[in-house]
């Protein structure tokens, strides 16, 4: 009895110590973030109070200048044409990157039992393409291809390839391990393992990642279009530099509507396939 009483008496203290440790950890993390923010503001001469005070002025300016006028609405057909071009480019890039990434993920996943050196090499290559932002890829490719749609295509392709290779690899490792082990036990070949085990079990998650990447590429292609002078991004840059803010605002609204529509459609598809 005495031993049980001692254990019961010690439990609240243990819980209290855990909460105290968590509180200290959160406090230290908050202080660290605050110190880093303060140092960054001092180094960059950022006026925190002035920044917050400028928000209402910026909102009022946008409300006055970015509301589409009659001239902006007359340019809607051209805006929709460029928007469609940007959306189709994003879909084409994502599909091409997904196909290539799937084959590379078969080499990098541990489920297919490819040589460890091959898998490690593929993961390093994918990490390199993934960690370089697509905007940086666009700036690098401008030196080789100039301002054209091919530059934007490759910039989005490289980043999408790196991201999808990693996500596909993790998906195959998580979803297909048990199924692949069963096929290996029956003496299945590599192609039989892929087509009868990996693809059927991991396809819903792969499709979900492809849909997410399409959404991401549509958003990113707008900014890349400013650099490459193509698509809806080039149109926004043109209107903005001409100080035609109404037309530029209509471009922004069109992009937002398209992204929301793509996201709603993607969510419905995910609910069906998952």
Protein backbone atom coordinates (compact mmCIF):
# COMPACT_ATOMS: atom_id res chain seq x y z
CA UNK A 1 0.00 0.00 0.00
CA UNK A 2 2.74 2.42 0.88
CA UNK A 3 4.38 1.86 -2.54
CA UNK A 4 1.14 2.63 -4.38
CA UNK A 5 0.62 5.79 -2.35
CA UNK A 6 4.11 6.95 -3.21
CA UNK A 7 3.47 6.38 -6.95
CA UNK A 8 0.16 8.25 -6.85
CA UNK A 9 1.77 11.14 -4.97
CA UNK A 10 4.56 11.39 -7.52
CA UNK A 11 2.32 11.49 -10.63
CA UNK A 12 1.02 15.08 -10.25
CA UNK A 13 4.57 16.30 -9.76
CA UNK A 14 5.67 14.52 -12.94
CA UNK A 15 2.84 16.09 -14.91
CA UNK A 16 3.60 19.49 -13.41
CA UNK A 17 7.26 19.19 -14.35
CA UNK A 18 6.32 18.31 -17.94
CA UNK A 19 4.08 21.37 -18.25
CA UNK A 20 6.77 23.57 -16.71
CA UNK A 21 9.33 22.29 -19.21
CA UNK A 22 6.95 22.92 -22.12
CA UNK A 23 6.21 26.41 -20.84
CA UNK A 24 9.91 27.16 -20.57
CA UNK A 25 10.52 25.79 -24.07
CA UNK A 26 7.75 27.90 -25.61
CA UNK A 27 8.95 30.97 -23.71
CA UNK A 28 12.54 30.52 -24.88
CA UNK A 29 11.38 29.92 -28.48
CA UNK A 30 9.23 33.07 -28.38
CA UNK A 31 12.12 35.12 -26.98
CA UNK A 32 14.48 33.75 -29.64
CA UNK A 33 12.06 34.72 -32.44
CA UNK A 34 11.56 38.17 -30.89
CA UNK A 35 15.32 38.74 -30.64
CA UNK A 36 15.89 37.64 -34.24
CA UNK A 37 13.06 39.96 -35.39
CA UNK A 38 14.50 42.89 -33.43
CA UNK A 39 18.00 42.34 -34.83
CA UNK A 40 16.63 42.02 -38.38
CA UNK A 41 14.62 45.24 -37.99
CA UNK A 42 17.68 47.12 -36.74
CA UNK A 43 19.97 45.81 -39.50
CA UNK A 44 17.46 46.54 -42.28
CA UNK A 45 16.24 49.86 -40.79
CA UNK A 46 12.69 48.54 -40.79
CA UNK A 47 10.21 50.83 -39.06
CA UNK A 48 7.71 48.49 -37.40
CA UNK A 49 5.27 51.23 -36.34
CA UNK A 50 5.45 52.91 -39.73
CA UNK A 51 4.82 49.58 -41.43
CA UNK A 52 1.59 49.00 -39.52
CA UNK A 53 0.49 52.60 -40.02
CA UNK A 54 0.92 52.27 -43.81
CA UNK A 55 -1.47 49.30 -44.07
CA UNK A 56 -4.72 51.37 -44.04
CA UNK A 57 -3.25 53.80 -46.58
CA UNK A 58 -2.23 50.93 -48.85
CA UNK A 59 -5.70 49.36 -48.64
CA UNK A 60 -7.37 52.69 -49.49
CA UNK A 61 -5.00 53.23 -52.43
CA UNK A 62 -5.71 49.75 -53.80
CA UNK A 63 -9.46 50.26 -53.43
CA UNK A 64 -9.24 53.48 -55.43
CA UNK A 65 -6.83 52.39 -58.17
CA UNK A 66 -7.12 48.62 -58.64
CA UNK A 67 -10.89 48.51 -59.17
CA UNK A 68 -11.43 47.58 -62.87
CA UNK A 69 -12.93 50.37 -64.93
CA UNK A 70 -14.71 50.27 -68.31
CA UNK A 71 -11.42 50.26 -70.22
CA UNK A 72 -10.19 47.33 -68.12
CA UNK A 73 -13.33 45.27 -68.78
CA UNK A 74 -12.88 45.83 -72.51
CA UNK A 75 -9.56 44.00 -72.21
CA UNK A 76 -11.10 40.98 -70.51
CA UNK A 77 -10.99 38.71 -73.61
CA UNK A 78 -7.24 39.25 -73.98
CA UNK A 79 -6.74 38.68 -70.24
CA UNK A 80 -8.72 35.43 -70.37
CA UNK A 81 -6.71 34.27 -73.38
CA UNK A 82 -3.41 34.83 -71.54
CA UNK A 83 -4.86 33.28 -68.39
CA UNK A 84 -5.83 30.16 -70.33
CA UNK A 85 -2.34 30.02 -71.82
CA UNK A 86 -0.82 30.19 -68.33
CA UNK A 87 -3.16 27.52 -66.95
CA UNK A 88 -2.49 25.12 -69.83
CA UNK A 89 1.26 25.64 -69.45
CA UNK A 90 1.02 24.83 -65.74
CA UNK A 91 -0.94 21.65 -66.41
CA UNK A 92 1.48 20.54 -69.15
CA UNK A 93 4.51 21.20 -66.95
CA UNK A 94 3.02 19.34 -64.01
CA UNK A 95 2.02 16.29 -66.04
CA UNK A 96 5.46 16.04 -67.69
CA UNK A 97 7.23 16.51 -64.36
CA UNK A 98 4.96 13.94 -62.69
CA UNK A 99 5.73 11.27 -65.31
CA UNK A 100 9.50 11.81 -65.02
CA UNK A 101 9.33 12.09 -61.22
CA UNK A 102 7.42 8.81 -60.93
CA UNK A 103 10.11 6.87 -62.79
CA UNK A 104 12.83 8.50 -60.70
CA UNK A 105 10.90 7.80 -57.50
CA UNK A 106 10.92 4.08 -58.39
CA UNK A 107 14.72 4.28 -58.33
CA UNK A 108 14.91 6.25 -55.08
CA UNK A 109 12.33 4.37 -53.01
CA UNK A 110 13.44 1.61 -50.64
CA UNK A 111 10.34 -0.39 -51.48
CA UNK A 112 11.60 -1.54 -54.89
CA UNK A 113 14.97 -2.56 -53.37
CA UNK A 114 17.08 -0.83 -56.00
CA UNK A 115 20.78 -0.46 -55.18
CA UNK A 116 21.19 1.96 -52.20
CA UNK A 117 23.73 4.08 -54.09
CA UNK A 118 21.25 4.62 -56.93
CA UNK A 119 18.51 5.64 -54.55
CA UNK A 120 20.77 8.03 -52.65
CA UNK A 121 21.97 9.62 -55.89
CA UNK A 122 18.42 10.18 -57.13
CA UNK A 123 17.38 11.69 -53.79
CA UNK A 124 20.33 14.11 -53.89
CA UNK A 125 19.49 15.17 -57.46
CA UNK A 126 15.81 15.67 -56.54
CA UNK A 127 16.78 17.68 -53.45
CA UNK A 128 18.95 19.95 -55.60
CA UNK A 129 16.15 20.70 -58.07
CA UNK A 130 13.63 21.12 -55.25
CA UNK A 131 15.68 23.48 -53.09
CA UNK A 132 16.38 25.93 -55.93
CA UNK A 133 13.20 28.07 -56.25
CA UNK A 134 11.49 28.19 -59.63
CA UNK A 135 12.05 31.95 -59.84
CA UNK A 136 15.80 31.39 -59.48
CA UNK A 137 15.62 28.71 -62.19
CA UNK A 138 13.87 31.23 -64.43
CA UNK A 139 16.60 33.83 -63.87
CA UNK A 140 19.32 31.26 -64.60
CA UNK A 141 17.60 29.99 -67.74
CA UNK A 142 17.11 33.52 -69.07
CA UNK A 143 20.80 33.55 -69.99
CA UNK A 144 20.37 30.47 -72.20
CA UNK A 145 16.85 30.69 -73.63
CA UNK A 146 15.96 34.37 -73.26
CA UNK A 147 12.46 35.67 -72.54
CA UNK A 148 10.16 33.05 -74.00
CA UNK A 149 7.73 30.37 -72.90
CA UNK A 150 10.44 27.67 -72.95
CA UNK A 151 12.25 29.40 -70.09
CA UNK A 152 9.11 29.38 -67.97
CA UNK A 153 8.40 25.76 -68.87
CA UNK A 154 11.82 24.50 -67.76
CA UNK A 155 11.84 26.68 -64.63
CA UNK A 156 8.53 25.20 -63.46
CA UNK A 157 9.54 21.72 -64.65
CA UNK A 158 12.77 21.56 -62.65
CA UNK A 159 11.14 22.64 -59.39
CA UNK A 160 8.09 20.42 -59.92
CA UNK A 161 10.31 17.45 -60.74
CA UNK A 162 12.30 17.80 -57.52
CA UNK A 163 9.22 18.27 -55.35
CA UNK A 164 7.19 15.44 -56.90
CA UNK A 165 10.11 13.00 -56.83
CA UNK A 166 10.37 13.39 -53.07
CA UNK A 167 6.62 13.23 -52.46
CA UNK A 168 6.19 10.21 -54.74
CA UNK A 169 9.08 8.43 -53.01
CA UNK A 170 7.58 8.99 -49.58
CA UNK A 171 4.13 7.97 -50.83
CA UNK A 172 5.44 4.69 -52.27
CA UNK A 173 7.38 3.94 -49.09
CA UNK A 174 4.34 4.57 -46.88
CA UNK A 175 1.57 3.00 -48.94
CA UNK A 176 3.09 0.23 -51.03
CA UNK A 177 5.53 -1.49 -48.66
CA UNK A 178 3.28 -4.35 -47.50
CA UNK A 179 1.87 -5.00 -50.98
CA UNK A 180 5.33 -5.06 -52.56
CA UNK A 181 6.65 -7.45 -49.90
CA UNK A 182 3.82 -9.85 -50.72
CA UNK A 183 4.60 -9.67 -54.44
CA UNK A 184 8.30 -10.24 -53.81
CA UNK A 185 7.41 -13.32 -51.80
CA UNK A 186 5.58 -14.74 -54.82
CA UNK A 187 8.58 -14.11 -57.08
CA UNK A 188 7.15 -11.16 -59.00
CA UNK A 189 9.44 -9.27 -61.37
CA UNK A 190 10.20 -5.57 -61.12
CA UNK A 191 7.59 -4.57 -63.72
CA UNK A 192 4.97 -6.83 -62.14
CA UNK A 193 5.70 -5.22 -58.77
CA UNK A 194 5.30 -1.75 -60.24
CA UNK A 195 2.10 -2.35 -62.23
CA UNK A 196 0.35 -4.70 -59.79
CA UNK A 197 1.54 -3.33 -56.48
CA UNK A 198 2.94 0.20 -56.49
CA UNK A 199 0.67 1.91 -59.02
CA UNK A 200 -2.70 0.59 -57.74
CA UNK A 201 -1.89 1.25 -54.07
CA UNK A 202 -0.25 4.67 -54.42
CA UNK A 203 -2.18 6.17 -57.35
CA UNK A 204 -4.79 8.11 -55.26
CA UNK A 205 -2.06 9.88 -53.28
CA UNK A 206 -0.02 10.51 -56.42
CA UNK A 207 -3.00 12.09 -58.19
CA UNK A 208 -3.62 14.23 -55.12
CA UNK A 209 -0.04 15.51 -55.20
CA UNK A 210 -0.27 16.21 -58.94
CA UNK A 211 -3.41 18.29 -58.40
CA UNK A 212 -1.69 20.22 -55.63
CA UNK A 213 1.29 20.86 -57.89
CA UNK A 214 -0.99 22.19 -60.64
CA UNK A 215 -2.42 24.74 -58.17
CA UNK A 216 1.09 25.74 -57.09
CA UNK A 217 2.38 26.08 -60.64
CA UNK A 218 -0.53 28.30 -61.69
CA UNK A 219 0.36 30.70 -58.89
CA UNK A 220 4.10 30.53 -59.57
CA UNK A 221 3.75 30.85 -63.34
CA UNK A 222 2.23 34.31 -62.88
CA UNK A 223 5.41 35.60 -61.26
CA UNK A 224 7.65 33.72 -63.68
CA UNK A 225 5.68 35.26 -66.56
CA UNK A 226 6.84 38.70 -65.38
CA UNK A 227 10.46 37.55 -65.79
CA UNK A 228 10.00 35.67 -69.06
CA UNK A 229 7.55 38.17 -70.63
CA UNK A 230 4.97 35.43 -71.28
CA UNK A 231 1.47 34.56 -70.15
CA UNK A 232 -0.66 36.43 -67.68
CA UNK A 233 2.40 37.66 -65.78
CA UNK A 234 3.66 39.60 -68.79
CA UNK A 235 0.23 41.16 -69.22
CA UNK A 236 0.16 42.29 -65.59
CA UNK A 237 3.66 43.72 -65.90
CA UNK A 238 2.67 45.61 -69.05
CA UNK A 239 -0.44 47.16 -67.51
CA UNK A 240 1.32 48.01 -64.26
CA UNK A 241 4.26 49.72 -65.97
CA UNK A 242 1.81 51.73 -68.07
CA UNK A 243 0.09 52.71 -64.79
CA UNK A 244 -3.12 51.15 -66.06
CA UNK A 245 -3.98 49.96 -62.56
CA UNK A 246 -7.58 49.08 -63.38
CA UNK A 247 -6.50 46.52 -65.99
CA UNK A 248 -3.74 45.24 -63.68
CA UNK A 249 -6.35 44.80 -60.95
CA UNK A 250 -8.55 42.81 -63.32
CA UNK A 251 -5.59 40.54 -64.06
CA UNK A 252 -5.10 39.91 -60.35
CA UNK A 253 -8.80 39.20 -59.84
CA UNK A 254 -8.79 36.77 -62.77
CA UNK A 255 -5.81 34.88 -61.35
CA UNK A 256 -7.44 34.67 -57.90
CA UNK A 257 -10.70 33.36 -59.38
CA UNK A 258 -8.83 30.76 -61.42
CA UNK A 259 -6.80 29.55 -58.43
CA UNK A 260 -9.93 29.25 -56.28
CA UNK A 261 -11.76 27.37 -59.04
CA UNK A 262 -8.83 24.97 -59.48
CA UNK A 263 -8.62 24.39 -55.73
CA UNK A 264 -12.35 23.68 -55.42
CA UNK A 265 -12.19 21.26 -58.35
CA UNK A 266 -9.09 19.56 -56.90
CA UNK A 267 -10.76 19.10 -53.51
CA UNK A 268 -13.78 17.45 -55.15
CA UNK A 269 -11.52 15.10 -57.13
CA UNK A 270 -9.58 14.23 -53.98
CA UNK A 271 -12.78 13.32 -52.16
CA UNK A 272 -13.72 10.97 -54.98
CA UNK A 273 -10.37 9.17 -55.32
CA UNK A 274 -9.31 9.03 -51.68
